[in-house]
Amino acid sequence: MSIRVMLVDDQMLLRTGFRMVLAAQPDMDVVAEAGDGAEAIENLRSTEVDVVLMDVRMPRLDGVEATRRICGVPGAPKVLILTTFDLDEYAFSGLKAGASGFMLKDVPPGELLNAIRAVHSGDAVVAPSTTRRLLDRFAPMLPSSGKPQNKELGRLTEREREVMMLVAQGLSNGEIAGRLVLSEATVKTHVGRILTKLGLRDRVQVVVLAYETGLVRAGGGAG
């Protein structure tokens, strides 16, 4: 079954370029397009979408607020933020709003396609270390998206808190396995339990929550 994609960008020329790239793939279909966040939300009422490629700076309703509204609905499509600048505060806000990652608009076509497939399969497409750089830069300047979830963190076992802290510091499952002398499969199981217990969608949100609750501080150290 093809991955159903919606393109959201106020520049028609960019949407056309992305559509041509995606249309050439046997496992992808562009099922909708929108010129701003409000139109994107309206389209989702009548069109089933798996992955939304979301620009951030748009008229009427920007991509961050559109992402927040989309991701707040059960069974929502995955959102992949598209940004012009690396370390953009909009990308940070988009991650906090529920996006599964972000990509630069000038990303090579192959990387964009892999990102769409990864997001569709449930993975995050931002390396945790990249997310951490975003958080280190912008966390002190932006308000928390909600009250700290210390009660939820209390549900984690001591080992799960260890794993969460290492995920938030940018380590891969393999690196965490080496650090804690565990198998990679065991680490993957721990990460899955962390996501379930905390009601998070992916590793990106683990990193965001770790910073918001003080488990990890700007600079990458433990809180």
Foldseek 3Di string as FASTA:
>chain_A
DAAEEEEEALDVVLVVVLQVLQVVDPRYDDPYYYNALVVVVVVVVPDDHAEYEAEADGPPHGRLVSLLVQQVDPPGHAYEYEYQDQLDLSQLSNLLSAHLYYDYSPDPSVLVVVCSVQVSVQARSDQLCSLLVSCLPPVVPDDHPDDQPVVLVVVADPVLLVLLLVLLLRDDLVRSCVVVVHDSVVSVVSLVVSCVSVVHRYSSVSNVSCDNNQCAHNVSHGD
